[in-house]
PDB file of N, CA and C in Angstrom:
ATOM      1  N   UNK A   1      67.934  80.446  45.294  1.00  0.00           N
ATOM      2  CA  UNK A   1      68.369  81.459  46.227  1.00  0.00           C
ATOM      3  C   UNK A   1      67.918  81.063  47.631  1.00  0.00           C
ATOM      4  N   UNK A   2      68.782  81.206  48.604  1.00  0.00           N
ATOM      5  CA  UNK A   2      68.465  80.841  49.980  1.00  0.00           C
ATOM      6  C   UNK A   2      67.557  81.884  50.610  1.00  0.00           C
ATOM      7  N   UNK A   3      66.673  81.416  51.494  1.00  0.00           N
ATOM      8  CA  UNK A   3      65.796  82.334  52.220  1.00  0.00           C
ATOM      9  C   UNK A   3      66.593  83.093  53.267  1.00  0.00           C
ATOM     10  N   UNK A   4      66.173  84.310  53.507  1.00  0.00           N
ATOM     11  CA  UNK A   4      66.820  85.091  54.552  1.00  0.00           C
ATOM     12  C   UNK A   4      66.327  84.612  55.903  1.00  0.00           C
ATOM     13  N   UNK A   5      67.085  84.922  56.936  1.00  0.00           N
ATOM     14  CA  UNK A   5      66.770  84.468  58.283  1.00  0.00           C
ATOM     15  C   UNK A   5      65.481  85.063  58.827  1.00  0.00           C
ATOM     16  N   UNK A   6      65.025  86.214  58.305  1.00  0.00           N
ATOM     17  CA  UNK A   6      63.851  86.875  58.855  1.00  0.00           C
ATOM     18  C   UNK A   6      62.570  86.063  58.670  1.00  0.00           C
ATOM     19  N   UNK A   7      62.450  85.284  57.607  1.00  0.00           N
ATOM     20  CA  UNK A   7      61.218  84.531  57.377  1.00  0.00           C
ATOM     21  C   UNK A   7      60.964  83.504  58.482  1.00  0.00           C
ATOM     22  N   UNK A   8      61.925  82.629  58.809  1.00  0.00           N
ATOM     23  CA  UNK A   8      61.660  81.686  59.908  1.00  0.00           C
ATOM     24  C   UNK A   8      61.470  82.401  61.238  1.00  0.00           C
ATOM     25  N   UNK A   9      62.194  83.503  61.481  1.00  0.00           N
ATOM     26  CA  UNK A   9      62.015  84.245  62.712  1.00  0.00           C
ATOM     27  C   UNK A   9      60.603  84.804  62.804  1.00  0.00           C
ATOM     28  N   UNK A  10      60.083  85.297  61.690  1.00  0.00           N
ATOM     29  CA  UNK A  10      58.725  85.825  61.666  1.00  0.00           C
ATOM     30  C   UNK A  10      57.732  84.712  61.992  1.00  0.00           C
ATOM     31  N   UNK A  11      57.891  83.594  61.317  1.00  0.00           N
ATOM     32  CA  UNK A  11      56.979  82.464  61.555  1.00  0.00           C
ATOM     33  C   UNK A  11      57.047  81.996  63.014  1.00  0.00           C
ATOM     34  N   UNK A  12      58.249  81.922  63.550  1.00  0.00           N
ATOM     35  CA  UNK A  12      58.426  81.489  64.934  1.00  0.00           C
ATOM     36  C   UNK A  12      57.796  82.497  65.900  1.00  0.00           C
ATOM     37  N   UNK A  13      58.041  83.781  65.666  1.00  0.00           N
ATOM     38  CA  UNK A  13      57.467  84.821  66.532  1.00  0.00           C
ATOM     39  C   UNK A  13      55.949  84.796  66.470  1.00  0.00           C
ATOM     40  N   UNK A  14      55.408  84.611  65.293  1.00  0.00           N
ATOM     41  CA  UNK A  14      53.955  84.552  65.136  1.00  0.00           C
ATOM     42  C   UNK A  14      53.374  83.345  65.875  1.00  0.00           C
ATOM     43  N   UNK A  15      54.049  82.210  65.796  1.00  0.00           N
ATOM     44  CA  UNK A  15      53.604  81.021  66.526  1.00  0.00           C
ATOM     45  C   UNK A  15      53.654  81.222  68.028  1.00  0.00           C
ATOM     46  N   UNK A  16      54.743  81.855  68.505  1.00  0.00           N
ATOM     47  CA  UNK A  16      54.853  82.146  69.939  1.00  0.00           C
ATOM     48  C   UNK A  16      53.751  83.100  70.382  1.00  0.00           C
ATOM     49  N   UNK A  17      53.462  84.070  69.550  1.00  0.00           N
ATOM     50  CA  UNK A  17      52.409  85.034  69.869  1.00  0.00           C
ATOM     51  C   UNK A  17      51.053  84.337  69.969  1.00  0.00           C
ATOM     52  N   UNK A  18      50.786  83.437  69.052  1.00  0.00           N
ATOM     53  CA  UNK A  18      49.524  82.701  69.081  1.00  0.00           C
ATOM     54  C   UNK A  18      49.414  81.867  70.363  1.00  0.00           C
ATOM     55  N   UNK A  19      50.513  81.229  70.755  1.00  0.00           N
ATOM     56  CA  UNK A  19      50.521  80.437  71.987  1.00  0.00           C
ATOM     57  C   UNK A  19      50.264  81.323  73.204  1.00  0.00           C
ATOM     58  N   UNK A  20      50.896  82.507  73.222  1.00  0.00           N
ATOM     59  CA  UNK A  20      50.689  83.437  74.335  1.00  0.00           C
ATOM     60  C   UNK A  20      49.231  83.871  74.428  1.00  0.00           C
ATOM     61  N   UNK A  21      48.636  84.178  73.290  1.00  0.00           N
ATOM     62  CA  UNK A  21      47.235  84.604  73.278  1.00  0.00           C
ATOM     63  C   UNK A  21      46.350  83.490  73.834  1.00  0.00           C
ATOM     64  N   UNK A  22      46.607  82.260  73.428  1.00  0.00           N
ATOM     65  CA  UNK A  22      45.815  81.134  73.922  1.00  0.00           C
ATOM     66  C   UNK A  22      45.954  80.983  75.437  1.00  0.00           C
ATOM     67  N   UNK A  23      47.189  81.164  75.951  1.00  0.00           N
ATOM     68  CA  UNK A  23      47.414  81.070  77.394  1.00  0.00           C
ATOM     69  C   UNK A  23      46.682  82.187  78.133  1.00  0.00           C
ATOM     70  N   UNK A  24      46.737  83.397  77.570  1.00  0.00           N
ATOM     71  CA  UNK A  24      46.055  84.520  78.211  1.00  0.00           C
ATOM     72  C   UNK A  24      44.539  84.328  78.183  1.00  0.00           C
ATOM     73  N   UNK A  25      44.022  83.832  77.079  1.00  0.00           N
ATOM     74  CA  UNK A  25      42.578  83.630  76.955  1.00  0.00           C
ATOM     75  C   UNK A  25      42.065  82.505  77.847  1.00  0.00           C
ATOM     76  N   UNK A  26      42.947  81.583  78.234  1.00  0.00           N
ATOM     77  CA  UNK A  26      42.517  80.466  79.075  1.00  0.00           C
ATOM     78  C   UNK A  26      42.075  80.940  80.452  1.00  0.00           C
ATOM     79  N   UNK A  27      42.611  82.078  80.905  1.00  0.00           N
ATOM     80  CA  UNK A  27      42.230  82.611  82.212  1.00  0.00           C
ATOM     81  C   UNK A  27      42.874  81.891  83.376  1.00  0.00           C
ATOM     82  N   UNK A  28      43.821  81.011  83.103  1.00  0.00           N
ATOM     83  CA  UNK A  28      44.432  80.219  84.160  1.00  0.00           C
ATOM     84  C   UNK A  28      45.727  80.830  84.688  1.00  0.00           C
ATOM     85  N   UNK A  29      46.199  81.927  84.119  1.00  0.00           N
ATOM     86  CA  UNK A  29      47.442  82.550  84.558  1.00  0.00           C
ATOM     87  C   UNK A  29      47.164  83.507  85.716  1.00  0.00           C
ATOM     88  N   UNK A  30      48.147  83.615  86.597  1.00  0.00           N
ATOM     89  CA  UNK A  30      48.043  84.600  87.666  1.00  0.00           C
ATOM     90  C   UNK A  30      48.200  85.984  87.056  1.00  0.00           C
ATOM     91  N   UNK A  31      47.900  87.010  87.848  1.00  0.00           N
ATOM     92  CA  UNK A  31      48.036  88.368  87.356  1.00  0.00           C
ATOM     93  C   UNK A  31      49.478  88.648  86.945  1.00  0.00           C
ATOM     94  N   UNK A  32      50.423  88.226  87.758  1.00  0.00           N
ATOM     95  CA  UNK A  32      51.840  88.445  87.455  1.00  0.00           C
ATOM     96  C   UNK A  32      52.250  87.730  86.176  1.00  0.00           C
ATOM     97  N   UNK A  33      51.825  86.473  86.021  1.00  0.00           N
ATOM     98  CA  UNK A  33      52.149  85.715  84.809  1.00  0.00           C
ATOM     99  C   UNK A  33      51.448  86.313  83.578  1.00  0.00           C
ATOM    100  N   UNK A  34      50.234  86.815  83.772  1.00  0.00           N
ATOM    101  CA  UNK A  34      49.507  87.449  82.673  1.00  0.00           C
ATOM    102  C   UNK A  34      50.231  88.702  82.195  1.00  0.00           C
ATOM    103  N   UNK A  35      50.719  89.500  83.133  1.00  0.00           N
ATOM    104  CA  UNK A  35      51.450  90.712  82.768  1.00  0.00           C
ATOM    105  C   UNK A  35      52.746  90.375  82.045  1.00  0.00           C
ATOM    106  N   UNK A  36      53.443  89.340  82.512  1.00  0.00           N
ATOM    107  CA  UNK A  36      54.686  88.930  81.848  1.00  0.00           C
ATOM    108  C   UNK A  36      54.391  88.427  80.432  1.00  0.00           C
ATOM    109  N   UNK A  37      53.327  87.651  80.282  1.00  0.00           N
ATOM    110  CA  UNK A  37      52.943  87.143  78.962  1.00  0.00           C
ATOM    111  C   UNK A  37      52.530  88.290  78.045  1.00  0.00           C
ATOM    112  N   UNK A  38      51.801  89.261  78.600  1.00  0.00           N
ATOM    113  CA  UNK A  38      51.388  90.416  77.812  1.00  0.00           C
ATOM    114  C   UNK A  38      52.605  91.206  77.338  1.00  0.00           C
ATOM    115  N   UNK A  39      53.565  91.401  78.223  1.00  0.00           N
ATOM    116  CA  UNK A  39      54.788  92.120  77.869  1.00  0.00           C
ATOM    117  C   UNK A  39      55.548  91.392  76.750  1.00  0.00           C
ATOM    118  N   UNK A  40      55.635  90.082  76.862  1.00  0.00           N
ATOM    119  CA  UNK A  40      56.302  89.297  75.821  1.00  0.00           C
ATOM    120  C   UNK A  40      55.517  89.379  74.510  1.00  0.00           C
ATOM    121  N   UNK A  41      54.193  89.384  74.605  1.00  0.00           N
ATOM    122  CA  UNK A  41      53.357  89.499  73.416  1.00  0.00           C
ATOM    123  C   UNK A  41      53.558  90.828  72.697  1.00  0.00           C
ATOM    124  N   UNK A  42      53.719  91.905  73.464  1.00  0.00           N
ATOM    125  CA  UNK A  42      53.978  93.214  72.860  1.00  0.00           C
ATOM    126  C   UNK A  42      55.310  93.185  72.116  1.00  0.00           C
ATOM    127  N   UNK A  43      56.331  92.570  72.728  1.00  0.00           N
ATOM    128  CA  UNK A  43      57.646  92.474  72.082  1.00  0.00           C
ATOM    129  C   UNK A  43      57.543  91.676  70.783  1.00  0.00           C
ATOM    130  N   UNK A  44      56.864  90.540  70.832  1.00  0.00           N
ATOM    131  CA  UNK A  44      56.710  89.704  69.640  1.00  0.00           C
ATOM    132  C   UNK A  44      55.921  90.422  68.548  1.00  0.00           C
ATOM    133  N   UNK A  45      54.891  91.164  68.950  1.00  0.00           N
ATOM    134  CA  UNK A  45      54.093  91.919  67.985  1.00  0.00           C
ATOM    135  C   UNK A  45      54.952  92.945  67.271  1.00  0.00           C
ATOM    136  N   UNK A  46      55.802  93.641  68.024  1.00  0.00           N
ATOM    137  CA  UNK A  46      56.676  94.645  67.415  1.00  0.00           C
ATOM    138  C   UNK A  46      57.679  93.992  66.472  1.00  0.00           C
ATOM    139  N   UNK A  47      58.189  92.828  66.838  1.00  0.00           N
ATOM    140  CA  UNK A  47      59.117  92.113  65.955  1.00  0.00           C
ATOM    141  C   UNK A  47      58.418  91.735  64.648  1.00  0.00           C
ATOM    142  N   UNK A  48      57.206  91.222  64.760  1.00  0.00           N
ATOM    143  CA  UNK A  48      56.447  90.827  63.568  1.00  0.00           C
ATOM    144  C   UNK A  48      56.129  92.039  62.695  1.00  0.00           C
ATOM    145  N   UNK A  49      55.723  93.150  63.316  1.00  0.00           N
ATOM    146  CA  UNK A  49      55.429  94.354  62.550  1.00  0.00           C
ATOM    147  C   UNK A  49      56.676  94.857  61.831  1.00  0.00           C
ATOM    148  N   UNK A  50      57.829  94.779  62.490  1.00  0.00           N
ATOM    149  CA  UNK A  50      59.081  95.195  61.864  1.00  0.00           C
ATOM    150  C   UNK A  50      59.417  94.330  60.661  1.00  0.00           C
ATOM    151  N   UNK A  51      59.252  93.011  60.805  1.00  0.00           N
ATOM    152  CA  UNK A  51      59.532  92.095  59.699  1.00  0.00           C
ATOM    153  C   UNK A  51      58.578  92.345  58.532  1.00  0.00           C
ATOM    154  N   UNK A  52      57.304  92.592  58.837  1.00  0.00           N
ATOM    155  CA  UNK A  52      56.339  92.879  57.771  1.00  0.00           C
ATOM    156  C   UNK A  52      56.653  94.207  57.088  1.00  0.00           C
ATOM    157  N   UNK A  53      57.090  95.185  57.857  1.00  0.00           N
ATOM    158  CA  UNK A  53      57.472  96.473  57.279  1.00  0.00           C
ATOM    159  C   UNK A  53      58.653  96.333  56.330  1.00  0.00           C
ATOM    160  N   UNK A  54      59.641  95.530  56.718  1.00  0.00           N
ATOM    161  CA  UNK A  54      60.794  95.299  55.850  1.00  0.00           C
ATOM    162  C   UNK A  54      60.384  94.576  54.571  1.00  0.00           C
ATOM    163  N   UNK A  55      59.490  93.597  54.718  1.00  0.00           N
ATOM    164  CA  UNK A  55      59.023  92.866  53.537  1.00  0.00           C
ATOM    165  C   UNK A  55      58.261  93.804  52.599  1.00  0.00           C
ATOM    166  N   UNK A  56      57.450  94.689  53.159  1.00  0.00           N
ATOM    167  CA  UNK A  56      56.701  95.643  52.334  1.00  0.00           C
ATOM    168  C   UNK A  56      57.652  96.577  51.592  1.00  0.00           C
ATOM    169  N   UNK A  57      58.695  97.050  52.265  1.00  0.00           N
ATOM    170  CA  UNK A  57      59.670  97.922  51.615  1.00  0.00           C
ATOM    171  C   UNK A  57      60.365  97.201  50.462  1.00  0.00           C
ATOM    172  N   UNK A  58      60.701  95.942  50.679  1.00  0.00           N
ATOM    173  CA  UNK A  58      61.371  95.171  49.635  1.00  0.00           C
ATOM    174  C   UNK A  58      60.459  94.996  48.423  1.00  0.00           C
ATOM    175  N   UNK A  59      59.189  94.693  48.674  1.00  0.00           N
ATOM    176  CA  UNK A  59      58.236  94.534  47.578  1.00  0.00           C
ATOM    177  C   UNK A  59      58.099  95.846  46.811  1.00  0.00           C
ATOM    178  N   UNK A  60      58.018  96.961  47.539  1.00  0.00           N
ATOM    179  CA  UNK A  60      57.894  98.252  46.873  1.00  0.00           C
ATOM    180  C   UNK A  60      59.135  98.556  46.042  1.00  0.00           C
ATOM    181  N   UNK A  61      60.303  98.181  46.538  1.00  0.00           N
ATOM    182  CA  UNK A  61      61.530  98.382  45.767  1.00  0.00           C
ATOM    183  C   UNK A  61      61.511  97.537  44.500  1.00  0.00           C
ATOM    184  N   UNK A  62      61.051  96.297  44.618  1.00  0.00           N
ATOM    185  CA  UNK A  62      61.007  95.406  43.461  1.00  0.00           C
ATOM    186  C   UNK A  62      60.001  95.881  42.420  1.00  0.00           C
ATOM    187  N   UNK A  63      58.934  96.524  42.872  1.00  0.00           N
ATOM    188  CA  UNK A  63      57.923  97.029  41.943  1.00  0.00           C
ATOM    189  C   UNK A  63      58.293  98.386  41.380  1.00  0.00           C
ATOM    190  N   UNK A  64      59.310  99.027  41.948  1.00  0.00           N
ATOM    191  CA  UNK A  64      59.706 100.369  41.529  1.00  0.00           C
ATOM    192  C   UNK A  64      60.201 100.391  40.096  1.00  0.00           C
ATOM    193  N   UNK A  65      59.980 101.503  39.460  1.00  0.00           N
ATOM    194  CA  UNK A  65      60.456 101.708  38.087  1.00  0.00           C
ATOM    195  C   UNK A  65      61.407 102.891  38.111  1.00  0.00           C
ATOM    196  N   UNK A  66      62.689 102.626  37.964  1.00  0.00           N
ATOM    197  CA  UNK A  66      63.669 103.697  38.025  1.00  0.00           C
ATOM    198  C   UNK A  66      63.709 104.277  39.427  1.00  0.00           C
ATOM    199  N   UNK A  67      63.620 105.594  39.519  1.00  0.00           N
ATOM    200  CA  UNK A  67      63.636 106.266  40.811  1.00  0.00           C
ATOM    201  C   UNK A  67      62.242 106.432  41.396  1.00  0.00           C
ATOM    202  N   UNK A  68      61.204 106.223  40.618  1.00  0.00           N
ATOM    203  CA  UNK A  68      59.835 106.445  41.082  1.00  0.00           C
ATOM    204  C   UNK A  68      59.172 105.111  41.393  1.00  0.00           C
ATOM    205  N   UNK A  69      59.126 104.768  42.664  1.00  0.00           N
ATOM    206  CA  UNK A  69      58.449 103.542  43.082  1.00  0.00           C
ATOM    207  C   UNK A  69      56.955 103.824  43.180  1.00  0.00           C
ATOM    208  N   UNK A  70      56.151 102.816  42.930  1.00  0.00           N
ATOM    209  CA  UNK A  70      54.715 102.965  43.060  1.00  0.00           C
ATOM    210  C   UNK A  70      54.137 101.736  43.736  1.00  0.00           C
ATOM    211  N   UNK A  71      53.035 101.931  44.415  1.00  0.00           N
ATOM    212  CA  UNK A  71      52.349 100.820  45.071  1.00  0.00           C
ATOM    213  C   UNK A  71      51.293 100.267  44.132  1.00  0.00           C
ATOM    214  N   UNK A  72      51.120  98.972  44.194  1.00  0.00           N
ATOM    215  CA  UNK A  72      50.103  98.302  43.400  1.00  0.00           C
ATOM    216  C   UNK A  72      49.166  97.607  44.367  1.00  0.00           C
ATOM    217  N   UNK A  73      47.866  97.891  44.321  1.00  0.00           N
ATOM    218  CA  UNK A  73      46.938  97.239  45.242  1.00  0.00           C
ATOM    219  C   UNK A  73      46.915  95.725  45.007  1.00  0.00           C
ATOM    220  N   UNK A  74      46.794  94.988  46.080  1.00  0.00           N
ATOM    221  CA  UNK A  74      46.748  93.537  45.991  1.00  0.00           C
ATOM    222  C   UNK A  74      45.383  93.107  45.496  1.00  0.00           C
ATOM    223  N   UNK A  75      45.380  92.246  44.489  1.00  0.00           N
ATOM    224  CA  UNK A  75      44.141  91.697  43.947  1.00  0.00           C
ATOM    225  C   UNK A  75      44.312  90.188  43.846  1.00  0.00           C
ATOM    226  N   UNK A  76      43.705  89.429  44.758  1.00  0.00           N
ATOM    227  CA  UNK A  76      43.889  87.981  44.731  1.00  0.00           C
ATOM    228  C   UNK A  76      43.313  87.324  43.483  1.00  0.00           C
ATOM    229  N   UNK A  77      42.475  88.018  42.747  1.00  0.00           N
ATOM    230  CA  UNK A  77      41.850  87.482  41.543  1.00  0.00           C
ATOM    231  C   UNK A  77      42.743  87.621  40.312  1.00  0.00           C
ATOM    232  N   UNK A  78      43.703  88.561  40.360  1.00  0.00           N
ATOM    233  CA  UNK A  78      44.504  88.796  39.164  1.00  0.00           C
ATOM    234  C   UNK A  78      45.542  87.702  38.992  1.00  0.00           C
ATOM    235  N   UNK A  79      45.838  87.348  37.740  1.00  0.00           N
ATOM    236  CA  UNK A  79      46.842  86.296  37.479  1.00  0.00           C
ATOM    237  C   UNK A  79      48.247  86.793  37.804  1.00  0.00           C
ATOM    238  N   UNK A  80      49.104  85.883  38.189  1.00  0.00           N
ATOM    239  CA  UNK A  80      50.511  86.222  38.478  1.00  0.00           C
ATOM    240  C   UNK A  80      51.201  86.595  37.180  1.00  0.00           C
ATOM    241  N   UNK A  81      52.148  87.562  37.236  1.00  0.00           N
ATOM    242  CA  UNK A  81      52.857  87.963  36.012  1.00  0.00           C
ATOM    243  C   UNK A  81      53.733  86.871  35.482  1.00  0.00           C
TER     244      UNK A  81
END
């Protein structure tokens, strides 16, 4: 099955966000450039949160039983089904 377009977009947005944070932390940007970078970072953060929210909904749908969906806590120690 082919991957949906949201996965690479999420990865790309996350990488851009990391680069922006590094630029902001360097302290070498002017105030105007810092504000523009911050604004772009907020946009990227919202995009990433939206993609994660969609992924969470999909997982909950896949774990659902009939009409009653339930959440299962993540346990990295438990074996995969």
